[in-house]
């Protein structure tokens, strides 16, 4: 009671379609560097 909560995740920031996309995802998820990670971080701050 009296808790207002929300869930914010990065799962949908990494599309799974396509071979090239899979390579990009693998690189970003391993190194924590990339355009999708920057987008997630930016959206998190704005929220």
ModelCIF file with pLDDT and N, C-alpha, C, O atoms, coordinates in Angstrom:
data_MODEL
#
_entry.id   MODEL 
#
_entity.id                         1 
_entity.type                       polymer 
_entity.pdbx_number_of_molecules   1 
#
_entity_poly.entity_id                      1 
_entity_poly.type                           'polypeptide(L)' 
_entity_poly.nstd_linkage                   no 
_entity_poly.nstd_monomer                   no 
_entity_poly.pdbx_seq_one_letter_code       
;(UNK)(UNK)(UNK)(UNK)(UNK)(UNK)(UNK)(UNK)(UNK)(UNK)(UNK)(UNK)(UNK)(UNK)(UNK)(UNK)
(UNK)(UNK)(UNK)(UNK)(UNK)(UNK)(UNK)(UNK)(UNK)(UNK)(UNK)(UNK)(UNK)(UNK)(UNK)(UNK)
(UNK)(UNK)(UNK)(UNK)(UNK)(UNK)(UNK)(UNK)(UNK)(UNK)(UNK)(UNK)(UNK)(UNK)(UNK)
;
_entity_poly.pdbx_seq_one_letter_code_can   XXXXXXXXXXXXXXXXXXXXXXXXXXXXXXXXXXXXXXXXXXXXXXX 
_entity_poly.pdbx_strand_id                 A 
#
loop_
_entity_poly_seq.entity_id 
_entity_poly_seq.num 
_entity_poly_seq.mon_id 
_entity_poly_seq.hetero 
1 1  UNK n 
1 2  UNK n 
1 3  UNK n 
1 4  UNK n 
1 5  UNK n 
1 6  UNK n 
1 7  UNK n 
1 8  UNK n 
1 9  UNK n 
1 10 UNK n 
1 11 UNK n 
1 12 UNK n 
1 13 UNK n 
1 14 UNK n 
1 15 UNK n 
1 16 UNK n 
1 17 UNK n 
1 18 UNK n 
1 19 UNK n 
1 20 UNK n 
1 21 UNK n 
1 22 UNK n 
1 23 UNK n 
1 24 UNK n 
1 25 UNK n 
1 26 UNK n 
1 27 UNK n 
1 28 UNK n 
1 29 UNK n 
1 30 UNK n 
1 31 UNK n 
1 32 UNK n 
1 33 UNK n 
1 34 UNK n 
1 35 UNK n 
1 36 UNK n 
1 37 UNK n 
1 38 UNK n 
1 39 UNK n 
1 40 UNK n 
1 41 UNK n 
1 42 UNK n 
1 43 UNK n 
1 44 UNK n 
1 45 UNK n 
1 46 UNK n 
1 47 UNK n 
#
_struct_asym.id          A 
_struct_asym.entity_id   1 
#
loop_
_ma_qa_metric.id 
_ma_qa_metric.mode 
_ma_qa_metric.name 
_ma_qa_metric.software_group_id 
_ma_qa_metric.type 
1 global pLDDT . pLDDT 
2 local  pLDDT . pLDDT 
#
_ma_qa_metric_global.metric_id      1 
_ma_qa_metric_global.metric_value   89.17 
_ma_qa_metric_global.model_id       1 
_ma_qa_metric_global.ordinal_id     1 
#
loop_
_ma_qa_metric_local.label_asym_id 
_ma_qa_metric_local.label_comp_id 
_ma_qa_metric_local.label_seq_id 
_ma_qa_metric_local.metric_id 
_ma_qa_metric_local.metric_value 
_ma_qa_metric_local.model_id 
_ma_qa_metric_local.ordinal_id 
A UNK 1  2 94.00 1 1  
A UNK 2  2 94.00 1 2  
A UNK 3  2 97.00 1 3  
A UNK 4  2 97.00 1 4  
A UNK 5  2 97.00 1 5  
A UNK 6  2 98.00 1 6  
A UNK 7  2 98.00 1 7  
A UNK 8  2 98.00 1 8  
A UNK 9  2 97.00 1 9  
A UNK 10 2 94.00 1 10 
A UNK 11 2 90.00 1 11 
A UNK 12 2 88.00 1 12 
A UNK 13 2 89.00 1 13 
A UNK 14 2 85.00 1 14 
A UNK 15 2 77.00 1 15 
A UNK 16 2 73.00 1 16 
A UNK 17 2 77.00 1 17 
A UNK 18 2 79.00 1 18 
A UNK 19 2 81.00 1 19 
A UNK 20 2 79.00 1 20 
A UNK 21 2 79.00 1 21 
A UNK 22 2 82.00 1 22 
A UNK 23 2 85.00 1 23 
A UNK 24 2 81.00 1 24 
A UNK 25 2 83.00 1 25 
A UNK 26 2 84.00 1 26 
A UNK 27 2 85.00 1 27 
A UNK 28 2 85.00 1 28 
A UNK 29 2 83.00 1 29 
A UNK 30 2 84.00 1 30 
A UNK 31 2 84.00 1 31 
A UNK 32 2 85.00 1 32 
A UNK 33 2 86.00 1 33 
A UNK 34 2 88.00 1 34 
A UNK 35 2 90.00 1 35 
A UNK 36 2 90.00 1 36 
A UNK 37 2 91.00 1 37 
A UNK 38 2 93.00 1 38 
A UNK 39 2 94.00 1 39 
A UNK 40 2 95.00 1 40 
A UNK 41 2 96.00 1 41 
A UNK 42 2 97.00 1 42 
A UNK 43 2 97.00 1 43 
A UNK 44 2 98.00 1 44 
A UNK 45 2 98.00 1 45 
A UNK 46 2 98.00 1 46 
A UNK 47 2 98.00 1 47 
#
loop_
_atom_site.group_PDB 
_atom_site.id 
_atom_site.type_symbol 
_atom_site.label_atom_id 
_atom_site.label_alt_id 
_atom_site.label_comp_id 
_atom_site.label_asym_id 
_atom_site.label_entity_id 
_atom_site.label_seq_id 
_atom_site.pdbx_PDB_ins_code 
_atom_site.Cartn_x 
_atom_site.Cartn_y 
_atom_site.Cartn_z 
_atom_site.occupancy 
_atom_site.B_iso_or_equiv 
_atom_site.pdbx_formal_charge 
_atom_site.auth_seq_id 
_atom_site.auth_comp_id 
_atom_site.auth_asym_id 
_atom_site.auth_atom_id 
_atom_site.pdbx_PDB_model_num 
ATOM 1   N N  . UNK A 1 1  ? 0.836  -1.196  0.000   1.00 94.00 ? 1  UNK A N  1 
ATOM 2   C CA . UNK A 1 1  ? 0.000  0.000   0.000   1.00 94.00 ? 1  UNK A CA 1 
ATOM 3   C C  . UNK A 1 1  ? 0.874  1.250   0.000   1.00 94.00 ? 1  UNK A C  1 
ATOM 4   O O  . UNK A 1 1  ? 1.931  1.283   0.631   1.00 94.00 ? 1  UNK A O  1 
ATOM 5   N N  . UNK A 1 2  ? 0.418  2.279   -0.717  1.00 94.00 ? 2  UNK A N  1 
ATOM 6   C CA . UNK A 1 2  ? 1.120  3.560   -0.809  1.00 94.00 ? 2  UNK A CA 1 
ATOM 7   C C  . UNK A 1 2  ? 2.467  3.474   -1.509  1.00 94.00 ? 2  UNK A C  1 
ATOM 8   O O  . UNK A 1 2  ? 3.370  4.272   -1.259  1.00 94.00 ? 2  UNK A O  1 
ATOM 9   N N  . UNK A 1 3  ? 2.582  2.480   -2.398  1.00 97.00 ? 3  UNK A N  1 
ATOM 10  C CA . UNK A 1 3  ? 3.772  2.384   -3.239  1.00 97.00 ? 3  UNK A CA 1 
ATOM 11  C C  . UNK A 1 3  ? 3.361  2.558   -4.698  1.00 97.00 ? 3  UNK A C  1 
ATOM 12  O O  . UNK A 1 3  ? 2.468  1.865   -5.184  1.00 97.00 ? 3  UNK A O  1 
ATOM 13  N N  . UNK A 1 4  ? 4.003  3.468   -5.380  1.00 97.00 ? 4  UNK A N  1 
ATOM 14  C CA . UNK A 1 4  ? 3.792  3.690   -6.809  1.00 97.00 ? 4  UNK A CA 1 
ATOM 15  C C  . UNK A 1 4  ? 5.081  3.277   -7.500  1.00 97.00 ? 4  UNK A C  1 
ATOM 16  O O  . UNK A 1 4  ? 6.103  3.949   -7.358  1.00 97.00 ? 4  UNK A O  1 
ATOM 17  N N  . UNK A 1 5  ? 5.043  2.172   -8.251  1.00 97.00 ? 5  UNK A N  1 
ATOM 18  C CA . UNK A 1 5  ? 6.294  1.672   -8.831  1.00 97.00 ? 5  UNK A CA 1 
ATOM 19  C C  . UNK A 1 5  ? 6.182  1.481   -10.339 1.00 97.00 ? 5  UNK A C  1 
ATOM 20  O O  . UNK A 1 5  ? 5.093  1.341   -10.895 1.00 97.00 ? 5  UNK A O  1 
ATOM 21  N N  . UNK A 1 6  ? 7.340  1.482   -10.975 1.00 98.00 ? 6  UNK A N  1 
ATOM 22  C CA . UNK A 1 6  ? 7.423  1.326   -12.420 1.00 98.00 ? 6  UNK A CA 1 
ATOM 23  C C  . UNK A 1 6  ? 8.650  0.494   -12.752 1.00 98.00 ? 6  UNK A C  1 
ATOM 24  O O  . UNK A 1 6  ? 9.632  0.489   -12.010 1.00 98.00 ? 6  UNK A O  1 
ATOM 25  N N  . UNK A 1 7  ? 8.581  -0.213  -13.882 1.00 98.00 ? 7  UNK A N  1 
ATOM 26  C CA . UNK A 1 7  ? 9.679  -1.056  -14.347 1.00 98.00 ? 7  UNK A CA 1 
ATOM 27  C C  . UNK A 1 7  ? 10.224 -0.489  -15.650 1.00 98.00 ? 7  UNK A C  1 
ATOM 28  O O  . UNK A 1 7  ? 9.468  -0.251  -16.591 1.00 98.00 ? 7  UNK A O  1 
ATOM 29  N N  . UNK A 1 8  ? 11.534 -0.272  -15.706 1.00 98.00 ? 8  UNK A N  1 
ATOM 30  C CA . UNK A 1 8  ? 12.175 0.272   -16.899 1.00 98.00 ? 8  UNK A CA 1 
ATOM 31  C C  . UNK A 1 8  ? 13.342 -0.640  -17.274 1.00 98.00 ? 8  UNK A C  1 
ATOM 32  O O  . UNK A 1 8  ? 14.294 -0.783  -16.507 1.00 98.00 ? 8  UNK A O  1 
ATOM 33  N N  . UNK A 1 9  ? 13.267 -1.259  -18.457 1.00 97.00 ? 9  UNK A N  1 
ATOM 34  C CA . UNK A 1 9  ? 14.268 -2.266  -18.827 1.00 97.00 ? 9  UNK A CA 1 
ATOM 35  C C  . UNK A 1 9  ? 14.887 -1.970  -20.192 1.00 97.00 ? 9  UNK A C  1 
ATOM 36  O O  . UNK A 1 9  ? 14.341 -1.218  -20.999 1.00 97.00 ? 9  UNK A O  1 
ATOM 37  N N  . UNK A 1 10 ? 16.048 -2.590  -20.420 1.00 94.00 ? 10 UNK A N  1 
ATOM 38  C CA . UNK A 1 10 ? 16.737 -2.380  -21.692 1.00 94.00 ? 10 UNK A CA 1 
ATOM 39  C C  . UNK A 1 10 ? 16.472 -3.512  -22.698 1.00 94.00 ? 10 UNK A C  1 
ATOM 40  O O  . UNK A 1 10 ? 17.013 -3.488  -23.803 1.00 94.00 ? 10 UNK A O  1 
ATOM 41  N N  . UNK A 1 11 ? 15.673 -4.472  -22.339 1.00 90.00 ? 11 UNK A N  1 
ATOM 42  C CA . UNK A 1 11 ? 15.455 -5.650  -23.178 1.00 90.00 ? 11 UNK A CA 1 
ATOM 43  C C  . UNK A 1 11 ? 15.027 -5.283  -24.600 1.00 90.00 ? 11 UNK A C  1 
ATOM 44  O O  . UNK A 1 11 ? 15.526 -5.858  -25.568 1.00 90.00 ? 11 UNK A O  1 
ATOM 45  N N  . UNK A 1 12 ? 14.116 -4.340  -24.725 1.00 88.00 ? 12 UNK A N  1 
ATOM 46  C CA . UNK A 1 12 ? 13.585 -3.986  -26.047 1.00 88.00 ? 12 UNK A CA 1 
ATOM 47  C C  . UNK A 1 12 ? 14.458 -2.998  -26.815 1.00 88.00 ? 12 UNK A C  1 
ATOM 48  O O  . UNK A 1 12 ? 14.132 -2.624  -27.942 1.00 88.00 ? 12 UNK A O  1 
ATOM 49  N N  . UNK A 1 13 ? 15.564 -2.578  -26.210 1.00 89.00 ? 13 UNK A N  1 
ATOM 50  C CA . UNK A 1 13 ? 16.471 -1.663  -26.898 1.00 89.00 ? 13 UNK A CA 1 
ATOM 51  C C  . UNK A 1 13 ? 17.410 -2.395  -27.856 1.00 89.00 ? 13 UNK A C  1 
ATOM 52  O O  . UNK A 1 13 ? 18.173 -1.764  -28.587 1.00 89.00 ? 13 UNK A O  1 
ATOM 53  N N  . UNK A 1 14 ? 17.351 -3.714  -27.848 1.00 85.00 ? 14 UNK A N  1 
ATOM 54  C CA . UNK A 1 14 ? 18.253 -4.511  -28.681 1.00 85.00 ? 14 UNK A CA 1 
ATOM 55  C C  . UNK A 1 14 ? 17.441 -5.437  -29.586 1.00 85.00 ? 14 UNK A C  1 
ATOM 56  O O  . UNK A 1 14 ? 17.190 -6.586  -29.222 1.00 85.00 ? 14 UNK A O  1 
ATOM 57  N N  . UNK A 1 15 ? 17.024 -4.950  -30.767 1.00 77.00 ? 15 UNK A N  1 
ATOM 58  C CA . UNK A 1 15 ? 16.238 -5.774  -31.700 1.00 77.00 ? 15 UNK A CA 1 
ATOM 59  C C  . UNK A 1 15 ? 16.991 -7.047  -32.064 1.00 77.00 ? 15 UNK A C  1 
ATOM 60  O O  . UNK A 1 15 ? 18.217 -7.048  -32.179 1.00 77.00 ? 15 UNK A O  1 
ATOM 61  N N  . UNK A 1 16 ? 16.238 -8.132  -32.244 1.00 73.00 ? 16 UNK A N  1 
ATOM 62  C CA . UNK A 1 16 ? 16.888 -9.428  -32.483 1.00 73.00 ? 16 UNK A CA 1 
ATOM 63  C C  . UNK A 1 16 ? 16.834 -9.867  -33.949 1.00 73.00 ? 16 UNK A C  1 
ATOM 64  O O  . UNK A 1 16 ? 17.332 -10.945 -34.274 1.00 73.00 ? 16 UNK A O  1 
ATOM 65  N N  . UNK A 1 17 ? 16.257 -9.082  -34.824 1.00 77.00 ? 17 UNK A N  1 
ATOM 66  C CA . UNK A 1 17 ? 16.116 -9.490  -36.220 1.00 77.00 ? 17 UNK A CA 1 
ATOM 67  C C  . UNK A 1 17 ? 17.362 -9.143  -37.036 1.00 77.00 ? 17 UNK A C  1 
ATOM 68  O O  . UNK A 1 17 ? 17.901 -8.040  -36.945 1.00 77.00 ? 17 UNK A O  1 
ATOM 69  N N  . UNK A 1 18 ? 17.802 -10.116 -37.832 1.00 79.00 ? 18 UNK A N  1 
ATOM 70  C CA . UNK A 1 18 ? 18.893 -9.875  -38.762 1.00 79.00 ? 18 UNK A CA 1 
ATOM 71  C C  . UNK A 1 18 ? 20.259 -10.273 -38.227 1.00 79.00 ? 18 UNK A C  1 
ATOM 72  O O  . UNK A 1 18 ? 20.548 -10.133 -37.039 1.00 79.00 ? 18 UNK A O  1 
ATOM 73  N N  . UNK A 1 19 ? 21.102 -10.780 -39.147 1.00 81.00 ? 19 UNK A N  1 
ATOM 74  C CA . UNK A 1 19 ? 22.443 -11.240 -38.786 1.00 81.00 ? 19 UNK A CA 1 
ATOM 75  C C  . UNK A 1 19 ? 23.321 -10.084 -38.320 1.00 81.00 ? 19 UNK A C  1 
ATOM 76  O O  . UNK A 1 19 ? 24.019 -10.187 -37.312 1.00 81.00 ? 19 UNK A O  1 
ATOM 77  N N  . UNK A 1 20 ? 23.277 -8.981  -39.068 1.00 79.00 ? 20 UNK A N  1 
ATOM 78  C CA . UNK A 1 20 ? 24.091 -7.822  -38.715 1.00 79.00 ? 20 UNK A CA 1 
ATOM 79  C C  . UNK A 1 20 ? 23.672 -7.270  -37.355 1.00 79.00 ? 20 UNK A C  1 
ATOM 80  O O  . UNK A 1 20 ? 24.509 -6.869  -36.546 1.00 79.00 ? 20 UNK A O  1 
ATOM 81  N N  . UNK A 1 21 ? 22.360 -7.258  -37.120 1.00 79.00 ? 21 UNK A N  1 
ATOM 82  C CA . UNK A 1 21 ? 21.857 -6.751  -35.847 1.00 79.00 ? 21 UNK A CA 1 
ATOM 83  C C  . UNK A 1 21 ? 22.341 -7.626  -34.688 1.00 79.00 ? 21 UNK A C  1 
ATOM 84  O O  . UNK A 1 21 ? 22.650 -7.125  -33.607 1.00 79.00 ? 21 UNK A O  1 
ATOM 85  N N  . UNK A 1 22 ? 22.401 -8.940  -34.929 1.00 82.00 ? 22 UNK A N  1 
ATOM 86  C CA . UNK A 1 22 ? 22.860 -9.869  -33.893 1.00 82.00 ? 22 UNK A CA 1 
ATOM 87  C C  . UNK A 1 22 ? 24.318 -9.599  -33.523 1.00 82.00 ? 22 UNK A C  1 
ATOM 88  O O  . UNK A 1 22 ? 24.694 -9.702  -32.355 1.00 82.00 ? 22 UNK A O  1 
ATOM 89  N N  . UNK A 1 23 ? 25.137 -9.254  -34.514 1.00 85.00 ? 23 UNK A N  1 
ATOM 90  C CA . UNK A 1 23 ? 26.547 -8.955  -34.264 1.00 85.00 ? 23 UNK A CA 1 
ATOM 91  C C  . UNK A 1 23 ? 26.672 -7.678  -33.440 1.00 85.00 ? 23 UNK A C  1 
ATOM 92  O O  . UNK A 1 23 ? 27.458 -7.613  -32.495 1.00 85.00 ? 23 UNK A O  1 
ATOM 93  N N  . UNK A 1 24 ? 25.892 -6.670  -33.806 1.00 81.00 ? 24 UNK A N  1 
ATOM 94  C CA . UNK A 1 24 ? 25.910 -5.399  -33.068 1.00 81.00 ? 24 UNK A CA 1 
ATOM 95  C C  . UNK A 1 24 ? 25.477 -5.625  -31.627 1.00 81.00 ? 24 UNK A C  1 
ATOM 96  O O  . UNK A 1 24 ? 26.102 -5.121  -30.695 1.00 81.00 ? 24 UNK A O  1 
ATOM 97  N N  . UNK A 1 25 ? 24.393 -6.393  -31.451 1.00 83.00 ? 25 UNK A N  1 
ATOM 98  C CA . UNK A 1 25 ? 23.903 -6.687  -30.103 1.00 83.00 ? 25 UNK A CA 1 
ATOM 99  C C  . UNK A 1 25 ? 24.976 -7.361  -29.253 1.00 83.00 ? 25 UNK A C  1 
ATOM 100 O O  . UNK A 1 25 ? 25.198 -7.007  -28.095 1.00 83.00 ? 25 UNK A O  1 
ATOM 101 N N  . UNK A 1 26 ? 25.625 -8.335  -29.863 1.00 84.00 ? 26 UNK A N  1 
ATOM 102 C CA . UNK A 1 26 ? 26.641 -9.090  -29.130 1.00 84.00 ? 26 UNK A CA 1 
ATOM 103 C C  . UNK A 1 26 ? 27.773 -8.170  -28.672 1.00 84.00 ? 26 UNK A C  1 
ATOM 104 O O  . UNK A 1 26 ? 28.252 -8.270  -27.543 1.00 84.00 ? 26 UNK A O  1 
ATOM 105 N N  . UNK A 1 27 ? 28.185 -7.285  -29.553 1.00 85.00 ? 27 UNK A N  1 
ATOM 106 C CA . UNK A 1 27 ? 29.264 -6.354  -29.210 1.00 85.00 ? 27 UNK A CA 1 
ATOM 107 C C  . UNK A 1 27 ? 28.819 -5.417  -28.077 1.00 85.00 ? 27 UNK A C  1 
ATOM 108 O O  . UNK A 1 27 ? 29.544 -5.230  -27.101 1.00 85.00 ? 27 UNK A O  1 
ATOM 109 N N  . UNK A 1 28 ? 27.637 -4.838  -28.214 1.00 85.00 ? 28 UNK A N  1 
ATOM 110 C CA . UNK A 1 28 ? 27.164 -3.880  -27.212 1.00 85.00 ? 28 UNK A CA 1 
ATOM 111 C C  . UNK A 1 28 ? 26.947 -4.538  -25.854 1.00 85.00 ? 28 UNK A C  1 
ATOM 112 O O  . UNK A 1 28 ? 27.325 -3.982  -24.823 1.00 85.00 ? 28 UNK A O  1 
ATOM 113 N N  . UNK A 1 29 ? 26.340 -5.720  -25.854 1.00 83.00 ? 29 UNK A N  1 
ATOM 114 C CA . UNK A 1 29 ? 26.051 -6.392  -24.590 1.00 83.00 ? 29 UNK A CA 1 
ATOM 115 C C  . UNK A 1 29 ? 27.320 -6.865  -23.886 1.00 83.00 ? 29 UNK A C  1 
ATOM 116 O O  . UNK A 1 29 ? 27.355 -6.990  -22.662 1.00 83.00 ? 29 UNK A O  1 
ATOM 117 N N  . UNK A 1 30 ? 28.343 -7.121  -24.663 1.00 84.00 ? 30 UNK A N  1 
ATOM 118 C CA . UNK A 1 30 ? 29.605 -7.573  -24.069 1.00 84.00 ? 30 UNK A CA 1 
ATOM 119 C C  . UNK A 1 30 ? 30.444 -6.408  -23.549 1.00 84.00 ? 30 UNK A C  1 
ATOM 120 O O  . UNK A 1 30 ? 31.050 -6.498  -22.481 1.00 84.00 ? 30 UNK A O  1 
ATOM 121 N N  . UNK A 1 31 ? 30.474 -5.320  -24.310 1.00 84.00 ? 31 UNK A N  1 
ATOM 122 C CA . UNK A 1 31 ? 31.373 -4.209  -23.981 1.00 84.00 ? 31 UNK A CA 1 
ATOM 123 C C  . UNK A 1 31 ? 30.688 -3.064  -23.240 1.00 84.00 ? 31 UNK A C  1 
ATOM 124 O O  . UNK A 1 31 ? 31.359 -2.197  -22.680 1.00 84.00 ? 31 UNK A O  1 
ATOM 125 N N  . UNK A 1 32 ? 29.345 -3.059  -23.234 1.00 85.00 ? 32 UNK A N  1 
ATOM 126 C CA . UNK A 1 32 ? 28.569 -1.958  -22.635 1.00 85.00 ? 32 UNK A CA 1 
ATOM 127 C C  . UNK A 1 32 ? 28.852 -0.633  -23.340 1.00 85.00 ? 32 UNK A C  1 
ATOM 128 O O  . UNK A 1 32 ? 28.829 0.430   -22.719 1.00 85.00 ? 32 UNK A O  1 
ATOM 129 N N  . UNK A 1 33 ? 29.117 -0.711  -24.638 1.00 86.00 ? 33 UNK A N  1 
ATOM 130 C CA . UNK A 1 33 ? 29.359 0.471   -25.464 1.00 86.00 ? 33 UNK A CA 1 
ATOM 131 C C  . UNK A 1 33 ? 28.505 0.355   -26.720 1.00 86.00 ? 33 UNK A C  1 
ATOM 132 O O  . UNK A 1 33 ? 28.422 -0.721  -27.312 1.00 86.00 ? 33 UNK A O  1 
ATOM 133 N N  . UNK A 1 34 ? 27.866 1.455   -27.137 1.00 88.00 ? 34 UNK A N  1 
ATOM 134 C CA . UNK A 1 34 ? 27.112 1.421   -28.374 1.00 88.00 ? 34 UNK A CA 1 
ATOM 135 C C  . UNK A 1 34 ? 25.953 2.392   -28.383 1.00 88.00 ? 34 UNK A C  1 
ATOM 136 O O  . UNK A 1 34 ? 25.603 2.976   -27.358 1.00 88.00 ? 34 UNK A O  1 
ATOM 137 N N  . UNK A 1 35 ? 25.361 2.557   -29.559 1.00 90.00 ? 35 UNK A N  1 
ATOM 138 C CA . UNK A 1 35 ? 24.292 3.532   -29.743 1.00 90.00 ? 35 UNK A CA 1 
ATOM 139 C C  . UNK A 1 35 ? 23.033 3.160   -28.957 1.00 90.00 ? 35 UNK A C  1 
ATOM 140 O O  . UNK A 1 35 ? 22.340 4.035   -28.438 1.00 90.00 ? 35 UNK A O  1 
ATOM 141 N N  . UNK A 1 36 ? 22.741 1.857   -28.870 1.00 90.00 ? 36 UNK A N  1 
ATOM 142 C CA . UNK A 1 36 ? 21.543 1.425   -28.145 1.00 90.00 ? 36 UNK A CA 1 
ATOM 143 C C  . UNK A 1 36 ? 21.701 1.640   -26.643 1.00 90.00 ? 36 UNK A C  1 
ATOM 144 O O  . UNK A 1 36 ? 20.748 1.998   -25.950 1.00 90.00 ? 36 UNK A O  1 
ATOM 145 N N  . UNK A 1 37 ? 22.906 1.418   -26.157 1.00 91.00 ? 37 UNK A N  1 
ATOM 146 C CA . UNK A 1 37 ? 23.182 1.635   -24.737 1.00 91.00 ? 37 UNK A CA 1 
ATOM 147 C C  . UNK A 1 37 ? 23.112 3.122   -24.408 1.00 91.00 ? 37 UNK A C  1 
ATOM 148 O O  . UNK A 1 37 ? 22.610 3.502   -23.350 1.00 91.00 ? 37 UNK A O  1 
ATOM 149 N N  . UNK A 1 38 ? 23.613 3.963   -25.311 1.00 93.00 ? 38 UNK A N  1 
ATOM 150 C CA . UNK A 1 38 ? 23.535 5.415   -25.112 1.00 93.00 ? 38 UNK A CA 1 
ATOM 151 C C  . UNK A 1 38 ? 22.081 5.872   -25.101 1.00 93.00 ? 38 UNK A C  1 
ATOM 152 O O  . UNK A 1 38 ? 21.696 6.739   -24.317 1.00 93.00 ? 38 UNK A O  1 
ATOM 153 N N  . UNK A 1 39 ? 21.279 5.275   -25.986 1.00 94.00 ? 39 UNK A N  1 
ATOM 154 C CA . UNK A 1 39 ? 19.853 5.628   -26.058 1.00 94.00 ? 39 UNK A CA 1 
ATOM 155 C C  . UNK A 1 39 ? 19.128 5.222   -24.784 1.00 94.00 ? 39 UNK A C  1 
ATOM 156 O O  . UNK A 1 39 ? 18.303 5.971   -24.261 1.00 94.00 ? 39 UNK A O  1 
ATOM 157 N N  . UNK A 1 40 ? 19.441 4.034   -24.291 1.00 95.00 ? 40 UNK A N  1 
ATOM 158 C CA . UNK A 1 40 ? 18.822 3.565   -23.047 1.00 95.00 ? 40 UNK A CA 1 
ATOM 159 C C  . UNK A 1 40 ? 19.212 4.473   -21.880 1.00 95.00 ? 40 UNK A C  1 
ATOM 160 O O  . UNK A 1 40 ? 18.359 4.841   -21.071 1.00 95.00 ? 40 UNK A O  1 
ATOM 161 N N  . UNK A 1 41 ? 20.480 4.833   -21.787 1.00 96.00 ? 41 UNK A N  1 
ATOM 162 C CA . UNK A 1 41 ? 20.954 5.695   -20.702 1.00 96.00 ? 41 UNK A CA 1 
ATOM 163 C C  . UNK A 1 41 ? 20.289 7.069   -20.769 1.00 96.00 ? 41 UNK A C  1 
ATOM 164 O O  . UNK A 1 41 ? 19.901 7.636   -19.747 1.00 96.00 ? 41 UNK A O  1 
ATOM 165 N N  . UNK A 1 42 ? 20.165 7.590   -21.981 1.00 97.00 ? 42 UNK A N  1 
ATOM 166 C CA . UNK A 1 42 ? 19.532 8.907   -22.156 1.00 97.00 ? 42 UNK A CA 1 
ATOM 167 C C  . UNK A 1 42 ? 18.058 8.867   -21.747 1.00 97.00 ? 42 UNK A C  1 
ATOM 168 O O  . UNK A 1 42 ? 17.570 9.763   -21.058 1.00 97.00 ? 42 UNK A O  1 
ATOM 169 N N  . UNK A 1 43 ? 17.362 7.824   -22.180 1.00 97.00 ? 43 UNK A N  1 
ATOM 170 C CA . UNK A 1 43 ? 15.936 7.692   -21.846 1.00 97.00 ? 43 UNK A CA 1 
ATOM 171 C C  . UNK A 1 43 ? 15.733 7.504   -20.349 1.00 97.00 ? 43 UNK A C  1 
ATOM 172 O O  . UNK A 1 43 ? 14.771 8.009   -19.770 1.00 97.00 ? 43 UNK A O  1 
ATOM 173 N N  . UNK A 1 44 ? 16.647 6.775   -19.737 1.00 98.00 ? 44 UNK A N  1 
ATOM 174 C CA . UNK A 1 44 ? 16.570 6.568   -18.290 1.00 98.00 ? 44 UNK A CA 1 
ATOM 175 C C  . UNK A 1 44 ? 16.701 7.899   -17.552 1.00 98.00 ? 44 UNK A C  1 
ATOM 176 O O  . UNK A 1 44 ? 15.934 8.184   -16.632 1.00 98.00 ? 44 UNK A O  1 
ATOM 177 N N  . UNK A 1 45 ? 17.673 8.706   -17.960 1.00 98.00 ? 45 UNK A N  1 
ATOM 178 C CA . UNK A 1 45 ? 17.858 9.996   -17.294 1.00 98.00 ? 45 UNK A CA 1 
ATOM 179 C C  . UNK A 1 45 ? 16.638 10.896  -17.492 1.00 98.00 ? 45 UNK A C  1 
ATOM 180 O O  . UNK A 1 45 ? 16.178 11.538  -16.548 1.00 98.00 ? 45 UNK A O  1 
ATOM 181 N N  . UNK A 1 46 ? 16.120 10.942  -18.711 1.00 98.00 ? 46 UNK A N  1 
ATOM 182 C CA . UNK A 1 46 ? 14.955 11.792  -18.990 1.00 98.00 ? 46 UNK A CA 1 
ATOM 183 C C  . UNK A 1 46 ? 13.738 11.353  -18.176 1.00 98.00 ? 46 UNK A C  1 
ATOM 184 O O  . UNK A 1 46 ? 12.959 12.184  -17.709 1.00 98.00 ? 46 UNK A O  1 
ATOM 185 N N  . UNK A 1 47 ? 13.586 10.046  -18.014 1.00 98.00 ? 47 UNK A N  1 
ATOM 186 C CA . UNK A 1 47 ? 12.477 9.531   -17.205 1.00 98.00 ? 47 UNK A CA 1 
ATOM 187 C C  . UNK A 1 47 ? 12.630 9.975   -15.749 1.00 98.00 ? 47 UNK A C  1 
ATOM 188 O O  . UNK A 1 47 ? 11.793 9.641   -14.911 1.00 98.00 ? 47 UNK A O  1 
#
